[in-house]
Amino acid sequence: MSKEAGSATISDLARHLSVCRKTAEKIADYFEERCGLRRLEHPTRKYHWEDIWELEGSFDVLPKNWHRMKAPLLRTQDLYFPGVYGRSERTIRRRAAEGTLKSIKLPIIGYRFRESEVEKEWM
């Protein structure tokens, strides 16, 4: 078994953040310039998953959680659908801003959520 979570391309990052490739590139540029995100020495843009998770606020992710951590993050509108979590988009954004709903604040796109964290909060 590998002791590293592997690497993410821009396409992987776009899928993970639930954005288009161009927006993922802008977010990666932001994190490279302002937060020290390092590219791997590779012909294409690649980053260590561990570095991405650290920027999202998750440190020392256990190997058993790697698959879940690589899953696409939820957007505010993904949580809004009636009958799913039963909250309005405004309430979701407000709770994320207040810190009462665990979220990941990203440049350009705003808040993203891990499904497992939302389920813990609302189920």
PDB file of N, CA and C in Angstrom:
ATOM      1  N   MET A   1       0.834  -1.184   0.000  1.00  0.00           N
ATOM      2  CA  MET A   1       0.000   0.000   0.000  1.00  0.00           C
ATOM      3  C   MET A   1       0.881   1.250   0.000  1.00  0.00           C
ATOM      4  N   SER A   2       0.514   2.227  -0.789  1.00  0.00           N
ATOM      5  CA  SER A   2       1.263   3.469  -0.889  1.00  0.00           C
ATOM      6  C   SER A   2       1.129   4.271   0.402  1.00  0.00           C
ATOM      7  N   LYS A   3       2.200   4.979   0.761  1.00  0.00           N
ATOM      8  CA  LYS A   3       2.170   5.807   1.954  1.00  0.00           C
ATOM      9  C   LYS A   3       1.845   7.254   1.619  1.00  0.00           C
ATOM     10  N   GLU A   4       1.565   7.522   0.356  1.00  0.00           N
ATOM     11  CA  GLU A   4       1.183   8.858  -0.073  1.00  0.00           C
ATOM     12  C   GLU A   4      -0.184   8.801  -0.751  1.00  0.00           C
ATOM     13  N   ALA A   5      -0.920   9.889  -0.627  1.00  0.00           N
ATOM     14  CA  ALA A   5      -2.262   9.945  -1.204  1.00  0.00           C
ATOM     15  C   ALA A   5      -2.234  10.143  -2.715  1.00  0.00           C
ATOM     16  N   GLY A   6      -1.064  10.454  -3.258  1.00  0.00           N
ATOM     17  CA  GLY A   6      -0.953  10.643  -4.703  1.00  0.00           C
ATOM     18  C   GLY A   6      -1.002  12.104  -5.086  1.00  0.00           C
ATOM     19  N   SER A   7      -1.179  12.322  -6.366  1.00  0.00           N
ATOM     20  CA  SER A   7      -1.169  13.692  -6.871  1.00  0.00           C
ATOM     21  C   SER A   7      -2.457  13.996  -7.625  1.00  0.00           C
ATOM     22  N   ALA A   8      -2.725  15.282  -7.732  1.00  0.00           N
ATOM     23  CA  ALA A   8      -3.933  15.757  -8.405  1.00  0.00           C
ATOM     24  C   ALA A   8      -3.549  16.661  -9.567  1.00  0.00           C
ATOM     25  N   THR A   9      -4.131  16.412 -10.716  1.00  0.00           N
ATOM     26  CA  THR A   9      -3.967  17.301 -11.862  1.00  0.00           C
ATOM     27  C   THR A   9      -4.978  18.437 -11.735  1.00  0.00           C
ATOM     28  N   ILE A  10      -4.902  19.392 -12.633  1.00  0.00           N
ATOM     29  CA  ILE A  10      -5.895  20.477 -12.642  1.00  0.00           C
ATOM     30  C   ILE A  10      -7.295  19.904 -12.864  1.00  0.00           C
ATOM     31  N   SER A  11      -7.419  18.900 -13.715  1.00  0.00           N
ATOM     32  CA  SER A  11      -8.727  18.265 -13.940  1.00  0.00           C
ATOM     33  C   SER A  11      -9.238  17.607 -12.658  1.00  0.00           C
ATOM     34  N   ASP A  12      -8.355  16.949 -11.916  1.00  0.00           N
ATOM     35  CA  ASP A  12      -8.749  16.354 -10.630  1.00  0.00           C
ATOM     36  C   ASP A  12      -9.199  17.442  -9.659  1.00  0.00           C
ATOM     37  N   LEU A  13      -8.448  18.538  -9.634  1.00  0.00           N
ATOM     38  CA  LEU A  13      -8.786  19.645  -8.748  1.00  0.00           C
ATOM     39  C   LEU A  13     -10.133  20.255  -9.128  1.00  0.00           C
ATOM     40  N   ALA A  14     -10.381  20.415 -10.427  1.00  0.00           N
ATOM     41  CA  ALA A  14     -11.671  20.950 -10.892  1.00  0.00           C
ATOM     42  C   ALA A  14     -12.821  20.052 -10.448  1.00  0.00           C
ATOM     43  N   ARG A  15     -12.649  18.756 -10.598  1.00  0.00           N
ATOM     44  CA  ARG A  15     -13.686  17.796 -10.193  1.00  0.00           C
ATOM     45  C   ARG A  15     -13.899  17.866  -8.669  1.00  0.00           C
ATOM     46  N   HIS A  16     -12.811  17.924  -7.928  1.00  0.00           N
ATOM     47  CA  HIS A  16     -12.868  17.979  -6.466  1.00  0.00           C
ATOM     48  C   HIS A  16     -13.573  19.244  -5.975  1.00  0.00           C
ATOM     49  N   LEU A  17     -13.285  20.381  -6.608  1.00  0.00           N
ATOM     50  CA  LEU A  17     -13.864  21.654  -6.178  1.00  0.00           C
ATOM     51  C   LEU A  17     -15.218  21.948  -6.813  1.00  0.00           C
ATOM     52  N   SER A  18     -15.647  21.079  -7.725  1.00  0.00           N
ATOM     53  CA  SER A  18     -16.919  21.267  -8.438  1.00  0.00           C
ATOM     54  C   SER A  18     -16.926  22.577  -9.222  1.00  0.00           C
ATOM     55  N   VAL A  19     -15.866  22.776 -10.005  1.00  0.00           N
ATOM     56  CA  VAL A  19     -15.735  23.964 -10.843  1.00  0.00           C
ATOM     57  C   VAL A  19     -15.213  23.550 -12.218  1.00  0.00           C
ATOM     58  N   CYS A  20     -15.198  24.495 -13.149  1.00  0.00           N
ATOM     59  CA  CYS A  20     -14.618  24.216 -14.459  1.00  0.00           C
ATOM     60  C   CYS A  20     -13.091  24.259 -14.356  1.00  0.00           C
ATOM     61  N   ARG A  21     -12.446  23.748 -15.379  1.00  0.00           N
ATOM     62  CA  ARG A  21     -10.980  23.678 -15.385  1.00  0.00           C
ATOM     63  C   ARG A  21     -10.340  25.068 -15.258  1.00  0.00           C
ATOM     64  N   LYS A  22     -10.878  26.050 -15.958  1.00  0.00           N
ATOM     65  CA  LYS A  22     -10.313  27.403 -15.929  1.00  0.00           C
ATOM     66  C   LYS A  22     -10.365  27.986 -14.516  1.00  0.00           C
ATOM     67  N   THR A  23     -11.468  27.776 -13.819  1.00  0.00           N
ATOM     68  CA  THR A  23     -11.586  28.264 -12.439  1.00  0.00           C
ATOM     69  C   THR A  23     -10.620  27.513 -11.523  1.00  0.00           C
ATOM     70  N   ALA A  24     -10.469  26.213 -11.738  1.00  0.00           N
ATOM     71  CA  ALA A  24      -9.509  25.430 -10.946  1.00  0.00           C
ATOM     72  C   ALA A  24      -8.092  25.963 -11.144  1.00  0.00           C
ATOM     73  N   GLU A  25      -7.754  26.349 -12.361  1.00  0.00           N
ATOM     74  CA  GLU A  25      -6.433  26.925 -12.632  1.00  0.00           C
ATOM     75  C   GLU A  25      -6.252  28.236 -11.866  1.00  0.00           C
ATOM     76  N   LYS A  26      -7.286  29.077 -11.838  1.00  0.00           N
ATOM     77  CA  LYS A  26      -7.214  30.346 -11.116  1.00  0.00           C
ATOM     78  C   LYS A  26      -7.045  30.113  -9.612  1.00  0.00           C
ATOM     79  N   ILE A  27      -7.762  29.136  -9.085  1.00  0.00           N
ATOM     80  CA  ILE A  27      -7.647  28.826  -7.662  1.00  0.00           C
ATOM     81  C   ILE A  27      -6.253  28.288  -7.349  1.00  0.00           C
ATOM     82  N   ALA A  28      -5.746  27.416  -8.196  1.00  0.00           N
ATOM     83  CA  ALA A  28      -4.392  26.887  -8.006  1.00  0.00           C
ATOM     84  C   ALA A  28      -3.365  28.020  -8.072  1.00  0.00           C
ATOM     85  N   ASP A  29      -3.527  28.939  -9.030  1.00  0.00           N
ATOM     86  CA  ASP A  29      -2.627  30.094  -9.130  1.00  0.00           C
ATOM     87  C   ASP A  29      -2.651  30.909  -7.838  1.00  0.00           C
ATOM     88  N   TYR A  30      -3.851  31.146  -7.333  1.00  0.00           N
ATOM     89  CA  TYR A  30      -4.007  31.899  -6.078  1.00  0.00           C
ATOM     90  C   TYR A  30      -3.251  31.211  -4.952  1.00  0.00           C
ATOM     91  N   PHE A  31      -3.456  29.897  -4.802  1.00  0.00           N
ATOM     92  CA  PHE A  31      -2.799  29.161  -3.722  1.00  0.00           C
ATOM     93  C   PHE A  31      -1.287  29.085  -3.927  1.00  0.00           C
ATOM     94  N   GLU A  32      -0.835  29.038  -5.169  1.00  0.00           N
ATOM     95  CA  GLU A  32       0.608  29.042  -5.429  1.00  0.00           C
ATOM     96  C   GLU A  32       1.216  30.379  -5.009  1.00  0.00           C
ATOM     97  N   GLU A  33       0.574  31.472  -5.407  1.00  0.00           N
ATOM     98  CA  GLU A  33       1.101  32.805  -5.145  1.00  0.00           C
ATOM     99  C   GLU A  33       0.997  33.223  -3.686  1.00  0.00           C
ATOM    100  N   ARG A  34      -0.125  32.938  -3.066  1.00  0.00           N
ATOM    101  CA  ARG A  34      -0.382  33.477  -1.731  1.00  0.00           C
ATOM    102  C   ARG A  34      -0.194  32.496  -0.585  1.00  0.00           C
ATOM    103  N   CYS A  35      -0.250  31.215  -0.874  1.00  0.00           N
ATOM    104  CA  CYS A  35      -0.190  30.223   0.206  1.00  0.00           C
ATOM    105  C   CYS A  35       0.957  29.238   0.067  1.00  0.00           C
ATOM    106  N   GLY A  36       1.735  29.369  -0.993  1.00  0.00           N
ATOM    107  CA  GLY A  36       2.904  28.513  -1.153  1.00  0.00           C
ATOM    108  C   GLY A  36       2.618  27.106  -1.659  1.00  0.00           C
ATOM    109  N   LEU A  37       1.472  26.893  -2.300  1.00  0.00           N
ATOM    110  CA  LEU A  37       1.201  25.578  -2.883  1.00  0.00           C
ATOM    111  C   LEU A  37       2.266  25.283  -3.929  1.00  0.00           C
ATOM    112  N   ARG A  38       2.883  24.113  -3.808  1.00  0.00           N
ATOM    113  CA  ARG A  38       3.980  23.762  -4.715  1.00  0.00           C
ATOM    114  C   ARG A  38       3.529  22.765  -5.765  1.00  0.00           C
ATOM    115  N   ARG A  39       3.936  23.032  -7.005  1.00  0.00           N
ATOM    116  CA  ARG A  39       3.706  22.086  -8.097  1.00  0.00           C
ATOM    117  C   ARG A  39       4.724  20.973  -7.999  1.00  0.00           C
ATOM    118  N   LEU A  40       4.317  19.801  -8.414  1.00  0.00           N
ATOM    119  CA  LEU A  40       5.256  18.696  -8.516  1.00  0.00           C
ATOM    120  C   LEU A  40       6.096  18.877  -9.766  1.00  0.00           C
ATOM    121  N   GLU A  41       7.285  18.320  -9.758  1.00  0.00           N
ATOM    122  CA  GLU A  41       8.112  18.371 -10.965  1.00  0.00           C
ATOM    123  C   GLU A  41       7.554  17.354 -11.940  1.00  0.00           C
ATOM    124  N   HIS A  42       6.741  17.846 -12.848  1.00  0.00           N
ATOM    125  CA  HIS A  42       6.024  17.003 -13.796  1.00  0.00           C
ATOM    126  C   HIS A  42       5.665  17.875 -14.995  1.00  0.00           C
ATOM    127  N   PRO A  43       5.581  17.301 -16.196  1.00  0.00           N
ATOM    128  CA  PRO A  43       5.243  18.117 -17.380  1.00  0.00           C
ATOM    129  C   PRO A  43       3.881  18.819 -17.285  1.00  0.00           C
ATOM    130  N   THR A  44       2.918  18.194 -16.596  1.00  0.00           N
ATOM    131  CA  THR A  44       1.613  18.838 -16.415  1.00  0.00           C
ATOM    132  C   THR A  44       1.524  19.374 -14.991  1.00  0.00           C
ATOM    133  N   ARG A  45       0.583  20.265 -14.765  1.00  0.00           N
ATOM    134  CA  ARG A  45       0.400  20.821 -13.412  1.00  0.00           C
ATOM    135  C   ARG A  45      -0.149  19.745 -12.498  1.00  0.00           C
ATOM    136  N   LYS A  46       0.626  19.389 -11.481  1.00  0.00           N
ATOM    137  CA  LYS A  46       0.189  18.406 -10.490  1.00  0.00           C
ATOM    138  C   LYS A  46       0.572  18.890  -9.103  1.00  0.00           C
ATOM    139  N   TYR A  47      -0.244  18.482  -8.135  1.00  0.00           N
ATOM    140  CA  TYR A  47      -0.036  18.863  -6.738  1.00  0.00           C
ATOM    141  C   TYR A  47      -0.267  17.640  -5.863  1.00  0.00           C
ATOM    142  N   HIS A  48       0.400  17.605  -4.705  1.00  0.00           N
ATOM    143  CA  HIS A  48       0.141  16.534  -3.749  1.00  0.00           C
ATOM    144  C   HIS A  48      -1.242  16.750  -3.136  1.00  0.00           C
ATOM    145  N   TRP A  49      -2.021  15.674  -3.031  1.00  0.00           N
ATOM    146  CA  TRP A  49      -3.326  15.766  -2.383  1.00  0.00           C
ATOM    147  C   TRP A  49      -3.186  16.286  -0.958  1.00  0.00           C
ATOM    148  N   GLU A  50      -2.148  15.823  -0.247  1.00  0.00           N
ATOM    149  CA  GLU A  50      -1.962  16.262   1.142  1.00  0.00           C
ATOM    150  C   GLU A  50      -1.841  17.781   1.234  1.00  0.00           C
ATOM    151  N   ASP A  51      -1.164  18.404   0.255  1.00  0.00           N
ATOM    152  CA  ASP A  51      -1.029  19.866   0.251  1.00  0.00           C
ATOM    153  C   ASP A  51      -2.368  20.543   0.000  1.00  0.00           C
ATOM    154  N   ILE A  52      -3.162  19.965  -0.874  1.00  0.00           N
ATOM    155  CA  ILE A  52      -4.495  20.515  -1.164  1.00  0.00           C
ATOM    156  C   ILE A  52      -5.368  20.429   0.089  1.00  0.00           C
ATOM    157  N   TRP A  53      -5.366  19.268   0.729  1.00  0.00           N
ATOM    158  CA  TRP A  53      -6.191  19.100   1.929  1.00  0.00           C
ATOM    159  C   TRP A  53      -5.757  20.038   3.047  1.00  0.00           C
ATOM    160  N   GLU A  54      -4.452  20.268   3.133  1.00  0.00           N
ATOM    161  CA  GLU A  54      -3.950  21.184   4.157  1.00  0.00           C
ATOM    162  C   GLU A  54      -4.487  22.593   3.926  1.00  0.00           C
ATOM    163  N   LEU A  55      -4.523  23.033   2.677  1.00  0.00           N
ATOM    164  CA  LEU A  55      -5.083  24.346   2.358  1.00  0.00           C
ATOM    165  C   LEU A  55      -6.576  24.404   2.667  1.00  0.00           C
ATOM    166  N   GLU A  56      -7.231  23.254   2.618  1.00  0.00           N
ATOM    167  CA  GLU A  56      -8.665  23.173   2.946  1.00  0.00           C
ATOM    168  C   GLU A  56      -8.892  23.056   4.457  1.00  0.00           C
ATOM    169  N   GLY A  57      -7.794  22.949   5.222  1.00  0.00           N
ATOM    170  CA  GLY A  57      -7.918  22.889   6.673  1.00  0.00           C
ATOM    171  C   GLY A  57      -7.871  21.500   7.266  1.00  0.00           C
ATOM    172  N   SER A  58      -7.535  20.495   6.479  1.00  0.00           N
ATOM    173  CA  SER A  58      -7.449  19.115   6.978  1.00  0.00           C
ATOM    174  C   SER A  58      -5.982  18.688   6.993  1.00  0.00           C
ATOM    175  N   PHE A  59      -5.508  18.307   8.163  1.00  0.00           N
ATOM    176  CA  PHE A  59      -4.115  17.916   8.332  1.00  0.00           C
ATOM    177  C   PHE A  59      -4.033  16.445   8.716  1.00  0.00           C
ATOM    178  N   ASP A  60      -2.960  15.798   8.320  1.00  0.00           N
ATOM    179  CA  ASP A  60      -2.706  14.402   8.699  1.00  0.00           C
ATOM    180  C   ASP A  60      -3.908  13.496   8.429  1.00  0.00           C
ATOM    181  N   VAL A  61      -4.353  13.483   7.192  1.00  0.00           N
ATOM    182  CA  VAL A  61      -5.490  12.646   6.796  1.00  0.00           C
ATOM    183  C   VAL A  61      -5.042  11.181   6.768  1.00  0.00           C
ATOM    184  N   LEU A  62      -5.779  10.333   7.438  1.00  0.00           N
ATOM    185  CA  LEU A  62      -5.454   8.912   7.488  1.00  0.00           C
ATOM    186  C   LEU A  62      -5.701   8.246   6.133  1.00  0.00           C
ATOM    187  N   PRO A  63      -4.875   7.265   5.778  1.00  0.00           N
ATOM    188  CA  PRO A  63      -5.060   6.573   4.486  1.00  0.00           C
ATOM    189  C   PRO A  63      -6.470   6.036   4.277  1.00  0.00           C
ATOM    190  N   LYS A  64      -7.128   5.593   5.329  1.00  0.00           N
ATOM    191  CA  LYS A  64      -8.486   5.055   5.169  1.00  0.00           C
ATOM    192  C   LYS A  64      -9.489   6.134   4.737  1.00  0.00           C
ATOM    193  N   ASN A  65      -9.127   7.414   4.904  1.00  0.00           N
ATOM    194  CA  ASN A  65     -10.017   8.518   4.539  1.00  0.00           C
ATOM    195  C   ASN A  65      -9.666   9.186   3.214  1.00  0.00           C
ATOM    196  N   TRP A  66      -8.590   8.755   2.571  1.00  0.00           N
ATOM    197  CA  TRP A  66      -8.146   9.405   1.340  1.00  0.00           C
ATOM    198  C   TRP A  66      -9.224   9.427   0.262  1.00  0.00           C
ATOM    199  N   HIS A  67      -9.895   8.313   0.063  1.00  0.00           N
ATOM    200  CA  HIS A  67     -10.918   8.255  -0.989  1.00  0.00           C
ATOM    201  C   HIS A  67     -12.028   9.279  -0.712  1.00  0.00           C
ATOM    202  N   ARG A  68     -12.478   9.351   0.514  1.00  0.00           N
ATOM    203  CA  ARG A  68     -13.539  10.296   0.897  1.00  0.00           C
ATOM    204  C   ARG A  68     -13.067  11.741   0.741  1.00  0.00           C
ATOM    205  N   MET A  69     -11.801  11.995   1.066  1.00  0.00           N
ATOM    206  CA  MET A  69     -11.271  13.353   0.981  1.00  0.00           C
ATOM    207  C   MET A  69     -11.091  13.813  -0.461  1.00  0.00           C
ATOM    208  N   LYS A  70     -10.942  12.876  -1.389  1.00  0.00           N
ATOM    209  CA  LYS A  70     -10.788  13.220  -2.808  1.00  0.00           C
ATOM    210  C   LYS A  70     -12.134  13.419  -3.497  1.00  0.00           C
ATOM    211  N   ALA A  71     -13.209  13.087  -2.826  1.00  0.00           N
ATOM    212  CA  ALA A  71     -14.551  13.193  -3.414  1.00  0.00           C
ATOM    213  C   ALA A  71     -14.878  14.658  -3.718  1.00  0.00           C
ATOM    214  N   PRO A  72     -15.733  14.890  -4.701  1.00  0.00           N
ATOM    215  CA  PRO A  72     -16.125  16.267  -5.010  1.00  0.00           C
ATOM    216  C   PRO A  72     -16.768  16.949  -3.804  1.00  0.00           C
ATOM    217  N   LEU A  73     -16.375  18.185  -3.592  1.00  0.00           N
ATOM    218  CA  LEU A  73     -16.979  18.979  -2.526  1.00  0.00           C
ATOM    219  C   LEU A  73     -18.337  19.482  -2.987  1.00  0.00           C
ATOM    220  N   LEU A  74     -19.211  19.704  -2.036  1.00  0.00           N
ATOM    221  CA  LEU A  74     -20.559  20.177  -2.350  1.00  0.00           C
ATOM    222  C   LEU A  74     -20.587  21.697  -2.409  1.00  0.00           C
ATOM    223  N   ARG A  75     -21.378  22.216  -3.327  1.00  0.00           N
ATOM    224  CA  ARG A  75     -21.603  23.649  -3.432  1.00  0.00           C
ATOM    225  C   ARG A  75     -22.793  24.012  -2.551  1.00  0.00           C
ATOM    226  N   THR A  76     -22.963  25.287  -2.285  1.00  0.00           N
ATOM    227  CA  THR A  76     -24.098  25.735  -1.480  1.00  0.00           C
ATOM    228  C   THR A  76     -25.408  25.266  -2.100  1.00  0.00           C
ATOM    229  N   GLN A  77     -25.542  25.411  -3.416  1.00  0.00           N
ATOM    230  CA  GLN A  77     -26.784  25.006  -4.075  1.00  0.00           C
ATOM    231  C   GLN A  77     -27.006  23.497  -4.032  1.00  0.00           C
ATOM    232  N   ASP A  78     -25.951  22.717  -3.842  1.00  0.00           N
ATOM    233  CA  ASP A  78     -26.119  21.270  -3.704  1.00  0.00           C
ATOM    234  C   ASP A  78     -26.803  20.923  -2.391  1.00  0.00           C
ATOM    235  N   LEU A  79     -26.636  21.780  -1.395  1.00  0.00           N
ATOM    236  CA  LEU A  79     -27.243  21.539  -0.086  1.00  0.00           C
ATOM    237  C   LEU A  79     -28.653  22.082   0.004  1.00  0.00           C
ATOM    238  N   TYR A  80     -29.015  22.914  -0.931  1.00  0.00           N
ATOM    239  CA  TYR A  80     -30.297  23.600  -0.866  1.00  0.00           C
ATOM    240  C   TYR A  80     -31.495  22.742  -1.239  1.00  0.00           C
ATOM    241  N   PHE A  81     -31.334  21.782  -2.119  1.00  0.00           N
ATOM    242  CA  PHE A  81     -32.474  21.042  -2.646  1.00  0.00           C
ATOM    243  C   PHE A  81     -33.451  20.642  -1.550  1.00  0.00           C
ATOM    244  N   PRO A  82     -34.720  21.045  -1.682  1.00  0.00           N
ATOM    245  CA  PRO A  82     -35.726  20.716  -0.670  1.00  0.00           C
ATOM    246  C   PRO A  82     -35.798  19.209  -0.441  1.00  0.00           C
ATOM    247  N   GLY A  83     -35.906  18.856   0.804  1.00  0.00           N
ATOM    248  CA  GLY A  83     -36.014  17.441   1.143  1.00  0.00           C
ATOM    249  C   GLY A  83     -34.668  16.772   1.364  1.00  0.00           C
ATOM    250  N   VAL A  84     -33.583  17.408   0.925  1.00  0.00           N
ATOM    251  CA  VAL A  84     -32.266  16.810   1.135  1.00  0.00           C
ATOM    252  C   VAL A  84     -31.754  17.229   2.503  1.00  0.00           C
ATOM    253  N   TYR A  85     -31.490  18.513   2.684  1.00  0.00           N
ATOM    254  CA  TYR A  85     -31.047  19.002   3.981  1.00  0.00           C
ATOM    255  C   TYR A  85     -32.029  20.017   4.562  1.00  0.00           C
ATOM    256  N   GLY A  86     -32.982  20.469   3.763  1.00  0.00           N
ATOM    257  CA  GLY A  86     -34.052  21.330   4.252  1.00  0.00           C
ATOM    258  C   GLY A  86     -33.623  22.710   4.717  1.00  0.00           C
ATOM    259  N   ARG A  87     -32.588  23.259   4.141  1.00  0.00           N
ATOM    260  CA  ARG A  87     -32.130  24.590   4.518  1.00  0.00           C
ATOM    261  C   ARG A  87     -32.078  25.458   3.262  1.00  0.00           C
ATOM    262  N   SER A  88     -32.240  26.772   3.440  1.00  0.00           N
ATOM    263  CA  SER A  88     -32.145  27.682   2.301  1.00  0.00           C
ATOM    264  C   SER A  88     -30.675  27.975   2.005  1.00  0.00           C
ATOM    265  N   GLU A  89     -30.402  28.433   0.772  1.00  0.00           N
ATOM    266  CA  GLU A  89     -29.030  28.795   0.419  1.00  0.00           C
ATOM    267  C   GLU A  89     -28.519  29.908   1.329  1.00  0.00           C
ATOM    268  N   ARG A  90     -29.383  30.840   1.648  1.00  0.00           N
ATOM    269  CA  ARG A  90     -28.996  31.958   2.508  1.00  0.00           C
ATOM    270  C   ARG A  90     -28.581  31.462   3.894  1.00  0.00           C
ATOM    271  N   THR A  91     -29.348  30.533   4.447  1.00  0.00           N
ATOM    272  CA  THR A  91     -29.021  29.960   5.761  1.00  0.00           C
ATOM    273  C   THR A  91     -27.697  29.210   5.704  1.00  0.00           C
ATOM    274  N   ILE A  92     -27.490  28.479   4.637  1.00  0.00           N
ATOM    275  CA  ILE A  92     -26.249  27.706   4.480  1.00  0.00           C
ATOM    276  C   ILE A  92     -25.055  28.653   4.421  1.00  0.00           C
ATOM    277  N   ARG A  93     -25.154  29.704   3.608  1.00  0.00           N
ATOM    278  CA  ARG A  93     -24.051  30.666   3.516  1.00  0.00           C
ATOM    279  C   ARG A  93     -23.813  31.375   4.848  1.00  0.00           C
ATOM    280  N   ARG A  94     -24.897  31.757   5.517  1.00  0.00           N
ATOM    281  CA  ARG A  94     -24.773  32.445   6.806  1.00  0.00           C
ATOM    282  C   ARG A  94     -24.091  31.553   7.833  1.00  0.00           C
ATOM    283  N   ARG A  95     -24.531  30.303   7.929  1.00  0.00           N
ATOM    284  CA  ARG A  95     -23.928  29.375   8.898  1.00  0.00           C
ATOM    285  C   ARG A  95     -22.465  29.106   8.567  1.00  0.00           C
ATOM    286  N   ALA A  96     -22.123  29.029   7.290  1.00  0.00           N
ATOM    287  CA  ALA A  96     -20.723  28.840   6.895  1.00  0.00           C
ATOM    288  C   ALA A  96     -19.894  30.054   7.308  1.00  0.00           C
ATOM    289  N   ALA A  97     -20.420  31.257   7.055  1.00  0.00           N
ATOM    290  CA  ALA A  97     -19.701  32.483   7.416  1.00  0.00           C
ATOM    291  C   ALA A  97     -19.537  32.618   8.925  1.00  0.00           C
ATOM    292  N   GLU A  98     -20.542  32.199   9.682  1.00  0.00           N
ATOM    293  CA  GLU A  98     -20.477  32.258  11.141  1.00  0.00           C
ATOM    294  C   GLU A  98     -19.580  31.173  11.731  1.00  0.00           C
ATOM    295  N   GLY A  99     -19.328  30.133  10.936  1.00  0.00           N
ATOM    296  CA  GLY A  99     -18.524  29.020  11.437  1.00  0.00           C
ATOM    297  C   GLY A  99     -19.332  27.954  12.140  1.00  0.00           C
ATOM    298  N   THR A 100     -20.659  28.040  12.074  1.00  0.00           N
ATOM    299  CA  THR A 100     -21.498  27.031  12.722  1.00  0.00           C
ATOM    300  C   THR A 100     -21.769  25.838  11.814  1.00  0.00           C
ATOM    301  N   LEU A 101     -21.370  25.946  10.557  1.00  0.00           N
ATOM    302  CA  LEU A 101     -21.420  24.826   9.613  1.00  0.00           C
ATOM    303  C   LEU A 101     -20.018  24.681   9.046  1.00  0.00           C
ATOM    304  N   LYS A 102     -19.414  23.544   9.264  1.00  0.00           N
ATOM    305  CA  LYS A 102     -18.041  23.338   8.818  1.00  0.00           C
ATOM    306  C   LYS A 102     -17.972  23.467   7.300  1.00  0.00           C
ATOM    307  N   SER A 103     -17.084  24.348   6.852  1.00  0.00           N
ATOM    308  CA  SER A 103     -16.983  24.624   5.419  1.00  0.00           C
ATOM    309  C   SER A 103     -15.538  24.908   5.049  1.00  0.00           C
ATOM    310  N   ILE A 104     -15.314  24.986   3.754  1.00  0.00           N
ATOM    311  CA  ILE A 104     -14.008  25.323   3.201  1.00  0.00           C
ATOM    312  C   ILE A 104     -14.204  26.602   2.398  1.00  0.00           C
ATOM    313  N   LYS A 105     -13.567  27.684   2.811  1.00  0.00           N
ATOM    314  CA  LYS A 105     -13.683  28.966   2.105  1.00  0.00           C
ATOM    315  C   LYS A 105     -12.583  29.022   1.061  1.00  0.00           C
ATOM    316  N   LEU A 106     -12.981  29.152  -0.180  1.00  0.00           N
ATOM    317  CA  LEU A 106     -12.042  29.171  -1.290  1.00  0.00           C
ATOM    318  C   LEU A 106     -12.110  30.507  -2.025  1.00  0.00           C
ATOM    319  N   PRO A 107     -10.966  30.959  -2.561  1.00  0.00           N
ATOM    320  CA  PRO A 107     -10.997  32.202  -3.337  1.00  0.00           C
ATOM    321  C   PRO A 107     -11.830  32.008  -4.601  1.00  0.00           C
ATOM    322  N   ILE A 108     -12.398  33.058  -5.069  1.00  0.00           N
ATOM    323  CA  ILE A 108     -13.168  33.117  -6.312  1.00  0.00           C
ATOM    324  C   ILE A 108     -14.554  32.486  -6.181  1.00  0.00           C
ATOM    325  N   ILE A 109     -14.655  31.293  -5.598  1.00  0.00           N
ATOM    326  CA  ILE A 109     -15.921  30.551  -5.633  1.00  0.00           C
ATOM    327  C   ILE A 109     -16.688  30.528  -4.325  1.00  0.00           C
ATOM    328  N   GLY A 110     -16.105  30.932  -3.225  1.00  0.00           N
ATOM    329  CA  GLY A 110     -16.816  30.935  -1.953  1.00  0.00           C
ATOM    330  C   GLY A 110     -16.706  29.627  -1.200  1.00  0.00           C
ATOM    331  N   TYR A 111     -17.802  29.190  -0.624  1.00  0.00           N
ATOM    332  CA  TYR A 111     -17.789  28.036   0.270  1.00  0.00           C
ATOM    333  C   TYR A 111     -18.005  26.713  -0.452  1.00  0.00           C
ATOM    334  N   ARG A 112     -17.340  25.696   0.062  1.00  0.00           N
ATOM    335  CA  ARG A 112     -17.552  24.305  -0.352  1.00  0.00           C
ATOM    336  C   ARG A 112     -17.659  23.482   0.920  1.00  0.00           C
ATOM    337  N   PHE A 113     -18.313  22.317   0.803  1.00  0.00           N
ATOM    338  CA  PHE A 113     -18.613  21.500   1.976  1.00  0.00           C
ATOM    339  C   PHE A 113     -18.305  20.040   1.697  1.00  0.00           C
ATOM    340  N   ARG A 114     -17.821  19.348   2.705  1.00  0.00           N
ATOM    341  CA  ARG A 114     -17.652  17.896   2.612  1.00  0.00           C
ATOM    342  C   ARG A 114     -18.978  17.257   3.019  1.00  0.00           C
ATOM    343  N   GLU A 115     -19.442  16.338   2.205  1.00  0.00           N
ATOM    344  CA  GLU A 115     -20.730  15.706   2.480  1.00  0.00           C
ATOM    345  C   GLU A 115     -20.758  15.076   3.868  1.00  0.00           C
ATOM    346  N   SER A 116     -19.683  14.431   4.257  1.00  0.00           N
ATOM    347  CA  SER A 116     -19.650  13.770   5.560  1.00  0.00           C
ATOM    348  C   SER A 116     -19.781  14.768   6.711  1.00  0.00           C
ATOM    349  N   GLU A 117     -19.218  15.948   6.543  1.00  0.00           N
ATOM    350  CA  GLU A 117     -19.326  16.976   7.599  1.00  0.00           C
ATOM    351  C   GLU A 117     -20.742  17.526   7.680  1.00  0.00           C
ATOM    352  N   VAL A 118     -21.378  17.740   6.533  1.00  0.00           N
ATOM    353  CA  VAL A 118     -22.747  18.256   6.518  1.00  0.00           C
ATOM    354  C   VAL A 118     -23.695  17.229   7.141  1.00  0.00           C
ATOM    355  N   GLU A 119     -23.498  15.962   6.809  1.00  0.00           N
ATOM    356  CA  GLU A 119     -24.352  14.923   7.373  1.00  0.00           C
ATOM    357  C   GLU A 119     -24.218  14.862   8.887  1.00  0.00           C
ATOM    358  N   LYS A 120     -23.006  15.054   9.409  1.00  0.00           N
ATOM    359  CA  LYS A 120     -22.803  15.071  10.857  1.00  0.00           C
ATOM    360  C   LYS A 120     -23.571  16.221  11.492  1.00  0.00           C
ATOM    361  N   GLU A 121     -23.586  17.374  10.808  1.00  0.00           N
ATOM    362  CA  GLU A 121     -24.248  18.570  11.325  1.00  0.00           C
ATOM    363  C   GLU A 121     -25.769  18.441  11.331  1.00  0.00           C
ATOM    364  N   TRP A 122     -26.313  17.887  10.217  1.00  0.00           N
ATOM    365  CA  TRP A 122     -27.755  17.982  10.011  1.00  0.00           C
ATOM    366  C   TRP A 122     -28.515  16.667  10.106  1.00  0.00           C
ATOM    367  N   MET A 123     -27.819  15.591  10.273  1.00  0.00           N
ATOM    368  CA  MET A 123     -28.548  14.323  10.343  1.00  0.00           C
ATOM    369  C   MET A 123     -28.659  13.829  11.761  1.00  0.00           C
TER     370      MET A 123
END
